[in-house]
Amino acid sequence: MRSIREEMGVVNHKKVLNTVPLSQRQLQRAFKKIYGITISDYMRLARVNAIHNYLLSGVMDLTRISYSLHFADQAHLSKGI
């Protein structure tokens, strides 16, 4: 979870798999059992949290936030939330 939060939800599943000694399916089941949500859902929540923090800080406009969090554009960001 820490690596997902540190990367603001923009992390490859393979990178997460490399940090734990489990198969992909074992990790998915264990994560869901422990945290009650899927890894993908947690990544989405981390991205939404990052968007929220950027908007509150006023550091970036929505276009720059979109690109920094690997959305194609603002519309893609809006659909992803």
Protein backbone atom coordinates (compact mmCIF):
# COMPACT_ATOMS: atom_id res chain seq x y z
CA MET A 1 0.00 0.00 0.00
CA ARG A 2 2.82 2.37 0.80
CA SER A 3 4.34 2.12 -2.67
CA ILE A 4 0.93 2.75 -4.23
CA ARG A 5 0.43 5.86 -2.07
CA GLU A 6 3.96 7.11 -2.72
CA GLU A 7 3.39 6.80 -6.47
CA MET A 8 -0.02 8.52 -6.10
CA GLY A 9 -1.78 5.49 -7.54
CA VAL A 10 0.27 5.59 -10.73
CA VAL A 11 2.05 2.29 -10.37
CA ASN A 12 2.22 -0.78 -12.54
CA HIS A 13 0.74 -3.98 -11.12
CA LYS A 14 4.02 -5.74 -11.96
CA LYS A 15 5.93 -3.31 -9.76
CA VAL A 16 3.60 -4.12 -6.87
CA LEU A 17 4.03 -7.84 -7.53
CA ASN A 18 7.80 -7.48 -7.37
CA THR A 19 7.57 -6.13 -3.82
CA VAL A 20 5.77 -9.15 -2.35
CA PRO A 21 6.52 -12.87 -2.50
CA LEU A 22 3.08 -13.83 -3.83
CA SER A 23 1.59 -14.67 -7.18
CA GLN A 24 -0.69 -12.10 -8.76
CA ARG A 25 -3.83 -14.00 -7.82
CA GLN A 26 -2.66 -14.62 -4.24
CA LEU A 27 -1.91 -10.92 -3.86
CA GLN A 28 -5.31 -9.95 -5.24
CA ARG A 29 -7.13 -12.27 -2.85
CA ALA A 30 -5.05 -11.29 0.18
CA PHE A 31 -5.40 -7.56 -0.53
CA LYS A 32 -9.17 -7.83 -0.94
CA LYS A 33 -9.48 -9.92 2.22
CA ILE A 34 -7.36 -7.59 4.37
CA TYR A 35 -8.46 -4.19 3.04
CA GLY A 36 -11.91 -4.92 1.64
CA ILE A 37 -11.18 -3.45 -1.79
CA THR A 38 -9.20 -4.53 -4.84
CA ILE A 39 -5.73 -3.26 -5.63
CA SER A 40 -7.10 -1.45 -8.69
CA ASP A 41 -9.73 0.29 -6.58
CA TYR A 42 -7.05 1.31 -4.08
CA MET A 43 -4.92 2.71 -6.90
CA ARG A 44 -7.92 4.69 -8.15
CA LEU A 45 -8.54 6.06 -4.65
CA ALA A 46 -4.87 7.05 -4.34
CA ARG A 47 -5.11 8.95 -7.64
CA VAL A 48 -8.31 10.70 -6.55
CA ASN A 49 -6.64 11.64 -3.27
CA ALA A 50 -3.66 13.06 -5.18
CA ILE A 51 -6.01 15.09 -7.40
CA HIS A 52 -7.78 16.40 -4.32
CA ASN A 53 -4.50 17.43 -2.68
CA TYR A 54 -3.24 19.14 -5.84
CA LEU A 55 -6.49 21.07 -6.24
CA LEU A 56 -6.48 22.17 -2.60
CA SER A 57 -2.87 23.33 -2.78
CA GLY A 58 -3.45 25.31 -5.98
CA VAL A 59 0.00 24.26 -7.22
CA MET A 60 -1.21 22.95 -10.59
CA ASP A 61 -4.10 23.51 -12.91
CA LEU A 62 -6.34 20.63 -13.92
CA THR A 63 -4.53 20.00 -17.21
CA ARG A 64 -1.15 19.62 -15.51
CA ILE A 65 -2.67 17.44 -12.80
CA SER A 66 -4.19 15.21 -15.49
CA TYR A 67 -0.87 14.67 -17.23
CA SER A 68 1.15 14.24 -14.04
CA LEU A 69 -1.16 11.42 -12.94
CA HIS A 70 -1.03 9.75 -16.37
CA PHE A 71 -4.48 10.65 -17.60
CA ALA A 72 -4.71 11.36 -21.33
CA ASP A 73 -6.44 14.72 -20.75
CA GLN A 74 -8.94 16.47 -18.47
CA ALA A 75 -11.87 14.52 -19.91
CA HIS A 76 -10.09 11.25 -19.20
CA LEU A 77 -9.43 12.43 -15.64
CA SER A 78 -13.13 13.25 -15.20
CA LYS A 79 -14.18 9.83 -16.49
CA GLY A 80 -11.59 8.11 -14.28
CA ILE A 81 -12.98 9.61 -11.12
